[in-house]
Amino acid sequence: MKERRHYVTKKFTLSLATVASLSLLTACSSTTKPAPSSQASSRSEVSTSQVSETSASSSTTSTKTDTTTNIDGTYKGQDEGDSITLVVTGNTGTWTEVEANGDKEVKKVTFEPENQRVFIGDDIKIYVAEENQIIIDDMDREASDRIVLKK
């Protein structure tokens, strides 16, 4: 009986790790936060079929992002002392960066609303559009690299 319980616990742990991995991948690929699943983690014993159902529903649940958000406009902000101006029309725009010494760099910008990605020149970043601002993060979402641009 101990071997069976150990086997079930081991299989449950592996299944729970799979669910956690799928949840993490889903969270990283979109900005919509999934509802926390406390059912599986709060139970001491869950059958393998229940974990499999949870895993299947986690992987088939698609997270919808609002692709109709109108982000057109001019946004301004700072990045490490440089002045940033982003002008957006539709899913494209220009990124103008003026350094403290007066040097100016203009880059083409393309937004992918379905993936919440933005291409700024050769850089790929993620973004969130909220009311009158756009928040741009590196793919690793390091808070120190975040750029907030406001209309």
C-alpha atoms as a PDB file:
ATOM      1  CA  MET A   1       0.000   0.000   0.000  1.00  0.00           C
ATOM      2  CA  LYS A   2       2.923   2.322   0.787  1.00  0.00           C
ATOM      3  CA  GLU A   3       4.386   1.690  -2.679  1.00  0.00           C
ATOM      4  CA  ARG A   4       1.042   2.514  -4.327  1.00  0.00           C
ATOM      5  CA  ARG A   5       0.688   5.727  -2.297  1.00  0.00           C
ATOM      6  CA  HIS A   6       4.298   6.702  -3.146  1.00  0.00           C
ATOM      7  CA  TYR A   7       3.599   6.018  -6.846  1.00  0.00           C
ATOM      8  CA  VAL A   8       0.378   8.096  -6.789  1.00  0.00           C
ATOM      9  CA  THR A   9       2.129  10.923  -4.915  1.00  0.00           C
ATOM     10  CA  LYS A  10       5.042  10.871  -7.364  1.00  0.00           C
ATOM     11  CA  LYS A  11       2.709  10.847 -10.385  1.00  0.00           C
ATOM     12  CA  PHE A  12       0.609  13.633  -8.836  1.00  0.00           C
ATOM     13  CA  THR A  13       3.737  15.725  -8.249  1.00  0.00           C
ATOM     14  CA  LEU A  14       4.849  15.261 -11.861  1.00  0.00           C
ATOM     15  CA  SER A  15       1.349  16.081 -13.141  1.00  0.00           C
ATOM     16  CA  LEU A  16       1.185  19.155 -10.923  1.00  0.00           C
ATOM     17  CA  ALA A  17       4.580  20.263 -12.251  1.00  0.00           C
ATOM     18  CA  THR A  18       3.244  19.855 -15.809  1.00  0.00           C
ATOM     19  CA  VAL A  19       0.190  21.977 -14.997  1.00  0.00           C
ATOM     20  CA  ALA A  20       2.411  24.614 -13.406  1.00  0.00           C
ATOM     21  CA  SER A  21       4.682  24.649 -16.474  1.00  0.00           C
ATOM     22  CA  LEU A  22       1.704  25.053 -18.812  1.00  0.00           C
ATOM     23  CA  SER A  23       0.319  27.842 -16.648  1.00  0.00           C
ATOM     24  CA  LEU A  24       3.677  29.616 -16.663  1.00  0.00           C
ATOM     25  CA  LEU A  25       3.952  29.333 -20.449  1.00  0.00           C
ATOM     26  CA  THR A  26       0.423  30.669 -20.852  1.00  0.00           C
ATOM     27  CA  ALA A  27       1.148  33.558 -18.484  1.00  0.00           C
ATOM     28  CA  CYS A  28       4.373  34.446 -20.295  1.00  0.00           C
ATOM     29  CA  SER A  29       2.741  34.389 -23.720  1.00  0.00           C
ATOM     30  CA  SER A  30       0.020  36.893 -22.854  1.00  0.00           C
ATOM     31  CA  THR A  31      -0.760  39.706 -20.513  1.00  0.00           C
ATOM     32  CA  THR A  32      -4.080  38.411 -19.255  1.00  0.00           C
ATOM     33  CA  LYS A  33      -3.570  36.831 -15.860  1.00  0.00           C
ATOM     34  CA  PRO A  34      -5.044  33.330 -15.537  1.00  0.00           C
ATOM     35  CA  ALA A  35      -7.280  32.622 -12.574  1.00  0.00           C
ATOM     36  CA  PRO A  36      -5.348  30.840  -9.838  1.00  0.00           C
ATOM     37  CA  SER A  37      -6.079  27.138  -9.560  1.00  0.00           C
ATOM     38  CA  SER A  38      -6.112  26.393  -5.873  1.00  0.00           C
ATOM     39  CA  GLN A  39      -8.192  23.222  -6.148  1.00  0.00           C
ATOM     40  CA  ALA A  40      -5.375  20.856  -7.096  1.00  0.00           C
ATOM     41  CA  SER A  41      -2.807  22.395  -4.776  1.00  0.00           C
ATOM     42  CA  SER A  42      -5.079  22.375  -1.730  1.00  0.00           C
ATOM     43  CA  ARG A  43      -5.957  18.691  -1.906  1.00  0.00           C
ATOM     44  CA  SER A  44      -3.664  16.132  -0.359  1.00  0.00           C
ATOM     45  CA  GLU A  45      -4.733  13.382  -2.780  1.00  0.00           C
ATOM     46  CA  VAL A  46      -6.028  13.869  -6.288  1.00  0.00           C
ATOM     47  CA  SER A  47      -6.600  11.084  -8.732  1.00  0.00           C
ATOM     48  CA  THR A  48      -4.492  10.956 -11.858  1.00  0.00           C
ATOM     49  CA  SER A  49      -7.561  11.389 -14.057  1.00  0.00           C
ATOM     50  CA  GLN A  50      -8.488  14.634 -12.274  1.00  0.00           C
ATOM     51  CA  VAL A  51      -4.973  16.001 -12.772  1.00  0.00           C
ATOM     52  CA  SER A  52      -5.081  14.965 -16.441  1.00  0.00           C
ATOM     53  CA  GLU A  53      -8.386  16.795 -16.881  1.00  0.00           C
ATOM     54  CA  THR A  54      -6.939  19.896 -15.219  1.00  0.00           C
ATOM     55  CA  SER A  55      -3.882  19.684 -17.466  1.00  0.00           C
ATOM     56  CA  ALA A  56      -5.989  19.282 -20.597  1.00  0.00           C
ATOM     57  CA  SER A  57      -8.259  22.180 -19.708  1.00  0.00           C
ATOM     58  CA  SER A  58      -5.249  24.395 -18.923  1.00  0.00           C
ATOM     59  CA  SER A  59      -3.673  23.718 -22.288  1.00  0.00           C
ATOM     60  CA  THR A  60      -6.872  24.146 -24.305  1.00  0.00           C
ATOM     61  CA  THR A  61      -8.079  27.297 -22.588  1.00  0.00           C
ATOM     62  CA  SER A  62      -7.096  30.167 -24.822  1.00  0.00           C
ATOM     63  CA  THR A  63      -6.342  33.504 -23.298  1.00  0.00           C
ATOM     64  CA  LYS A  64      -8.002  36.234 -25.308  1.00  0.00           C
ATOM     65  CA  THR A  65      -6.397  39.603 -25.659  1.00  0.00           C
ATOM     66  CA  ASP A  66      -8.305  42.607 -26.832  1.00  0.00           C
ATOM     67  CA  THR A  67      -6.924  43.088 -30.328  1.00  0.00           C
ATOM     68  CA  THR A  68      -9.360  45.921 -31.035  1.00  0.00           C
ATOM     69  CA  THR A  69      -7.752  48.309 -28.544  1.00  0.00           C
ATOM     70  CA  ASN A  70      -7.055  51.562 -30.326  1.00  0.00           C
ATOM     71  CA  ILE A  71      -3.526  52.582 -29.423  1.00  0.00           C
ATOM     72  CA  ASP A  72      -3.262  55.352 -32.010  1.00  0.00           C
ATOM     73  CA  GLY A  73      -1.615  58.479 -30.720  1.00  0.00           C
ATOM     74  CA  THR A  74       1.597  60.056 -29.502  1.00  0.00           C
ATOM     75  CA  TYR A  75       3.209  58.716 -26.344  1.00  0.00           C
ATOM     76  CA  LYS A  76       6.135  60.214 -24.446  1.00  0.00           C
ATOM     77  CA  GLY A  77       8.410  58.946 -21.715  1.00  0.00           C
ATOM     78  CA  GLN A  78      11.974  58.432 -20.500  1.00  0.00           C
ATOM     79  CA  ASP A  79      14.437  55.559 -20.734  1.00  0.00           C
ATOM     80  CA  GLU A  80      17.677  55.936 -18.788  1.00  0.00           C
ATOM     81  CA  GLY A  81      17.721  59.691 -19.338  1.00  0.00           C
ATOM     82  CA  ASP A  82      16.782  59.504 -23.024  1.00  0.00           C
ATOM     83  CA  SER A  83      13.534  61.129 -24.175  1.00  0.00           C
ATOM     84  CA  ILE A  84      11.258  58.735 -26.035  1.00  0.00           C
ATOM     85  CA  THR A  85       8.439  59.718 -28.388  1.00  0.00           C
ATOM     86  CA  LEU A  86       6.300  56.951 -29.858  1.00  0.00           C
ATOM     87  CA  VAL A  87       3.824  57.828 -32.602  1.00  0.00           C
ATOM     88  CA  VAL A  88       1.367  55.008 -33.394  1.00  0.00           C
ATOM     89  CA  THR A  89      -1.105  54.668 -36.258  1.00  0.00           C
ATOM     90  CA  GLY A  90      -2.810  51.297 -36.455  1.00  0.00           C
ATOM     91  CA  ASN A  91      -0.221  48.620 -35.756  1.00  0.00           C
ATOM     92  CA  THR A  92       2.795  50.621 -36.927  1.00  0.00           C
ATOM     93  CA  GLY A  93       4.628  53.715 -35.871  1.00  0.00           C
ATOM     94  CA  THR A  94       7.919  55.433 -35.163  1.00  0.00           C
ATOM     95  CA  TRP A  95      10.093  55.395 -32.061  1.00  0.00           C
ATOM     96  CA  THR A  96      12.183  58.540 -31.666  1.00  0.00           C
ATOM     97  CA  GLU A  97      14.858  58.456 -29.003  1.00  0.00           C
ATOM     98  CA  VAL A  98      16.735  61.657 -28.147  1.00  0.00           C
ATOM     99  CA  GLU A  99      19.794  61.149 -25.958  1.00  0.00           C
ATOM    100  CA  ALA A 100      20.913  63.667 -23.329  1.00  0.00           C
ATOM    101  CA  ASN A 101      23.727  64.823 -25.653  1.00  0.00           C
ATOM    102  CA  GLY A 102      21.191  65.629 -28.410  1.00  0.00           C
ATOM    103  CA  ASP A 103      21.800  62.567 -30.603  1.00  0.00           C
ATOM    104  CA  LYS A 104      18.553  61.382 -32.188  1.00  0.00           C
ATOM    105  CA  GLU A 105      17.620  57.906 -33.363  1.00  0.00           C
ATOM    106  CA  VAL A 106      14.397  57.005 -35.180  1.00  0.00           C
ATOM    107  CA  LYS A 107      13.218  53.396 -35.432  1.00  0.00           C
ATOM    108  CA  LYS A 108      10.286  51.725 -37.160  1.00  0.00           C
ATOM    109  CA  VAL A 109       7.758  50.130 -34.780  1.00  0.00           C
ATOM    110  CA  THR A 110       5.342  47.272 -35.490  1.00  0.00           C
ATOM    111  CA  PHE A 111       2.792  45.989 -32.963  1.00  0.00           C
ATOM    112  CA  GLU A 112       1.470  42.404 -32.813  1.00  0.00           C
ATOM    113  CA  PRO A 113      -1.644  42.763 -30.623  1.00  0.00           C
ATOM    114  CA  GLU A 114      -2.457  39.040 -30.720  1.00  0.00           C
ATOM    115  CA  ASN A 115       0.901  38.233 -29.083  1.00  0.00           C
ATOM    116  CA  GLN A 116       1.307  41.506 -27.146  1.00  0.00           C
ATOM    117  CA  ARG A 117       4.690  41.942 -28.845  1.00  0.00           C
ATOM    118  CA  VAL A 118       6.202  45.070 -30.308  1.00  0.00           C
ATOM    119  CA  PHE A 119       9.132  45.253 -32.690  1.00  0.00           C
ATOM    120  CA  ILE A 120      11.198  48.405 -32.146  1.00  0.00           C
ATOM    121  CA  GLY A 121      13.813  48.438 -34.875  1.00  0.00           C
ATOM    122  CA  ASP A 122      15.582  45.082 -34.406  1.00  0.00           C
ATOM    123  CA  ASP A 123      14.410  44.636 -30.797  1.00  0.00           C
ATOM    124  CA  ILE A 124      11.451  42.457 -29.801  1.00  0.00           C
ATOM    125  CA  LYS A 125       9.650  43.516 -26.640  1.00  0.00           C
ATOM    126  CA  ILE A 126       6.308  42.898 -24.993  1.00  0.00           C
ATOM    127  CA  TYR A 127       3.751  45.591 -24.313  1.00  0.00           C
ATOM    128  CA  VAL A 128       0.558  46.333 -22.469  1.00  0.00           C
ATOM    129  CA  ALA A 129      -1.760  49.116 -23.586  1.00  0.00           C
ATOM    130  CA  GLU A 130      -3.713  50.650 -20.692  1.00  0.00           C
ATOM    131  CA  GLU A 131      -6.020  53.628 -21.149  1.00  0.00           C
ATOM    132  CA  ASN A 132      -3.596  56.480 -21.960  1.00  0.00           C
ATOM    133  CA  GLN A 133      -0.305  54.647 -21.634  1.00  0.00           C
ATOM    134  CA  ILE A 134       1.775  51.859 -23.116  1.00  0.00           C
ATOM    135  CA  ILE A 135       4.085  49.822 -20.901  1.00  0.00           C
ATOM    136  CA  ILE A 136       7.002  48.203 -22.727  1.00  0.00           C
ATOM    137  CA  ASP A 137       9.076  45.414 -21.169  1.00  0.00           C
ATOM    138  CA  ASP A 138      11.944  43.237 -22.301  1.00  0.00           C
ATOM    139  CA  MET A 139      10.996  39.617 -22.856  1.00  0.00           C
ATOM    140  CA  ASP A 140      12.339  38.754 -19.382  1.00  0.00           C
ATOM    141  CA  ARG A 141      10.015  41.373 -17.806  1.00  0.00           C
ATOM    142  CA  GLU A 142      12.853  42.808 -15.720  1.00  0.00           C
ATOM    143  CA  ALA A 143      11.287  45.749 -13.842  1.00  0.00           C
ATOM    144  CA  SER A 144      14.413  47.879 -14.241  1.00  0.00           C
ATOM    145  CA  ASP A 145      14.061  47.690 -18.051  1.00  0.00           C
ATOM    146  CA  ARG A 146      10.404  48.787 -18.106  1.00  0.00           C
ATOM    147  CA  ILE A 147       9.491  51.856 -20.153  1.00  0.00           C
ATOM    148  CA  VAL A 148       6.198  53.641 -19.476  1.00  0.00           C
ATOM    149  CA  LEU A 149       4.987  55.974 -22.214  1.00  0.00           C
ATOM    150  CA  LYS A 150       1.961  58.226 -21.690  1.00  0.00           C
ATOM    151  CA  LYS A 151      -0.300  60.065 -24.124  1.00  0.00           C
END
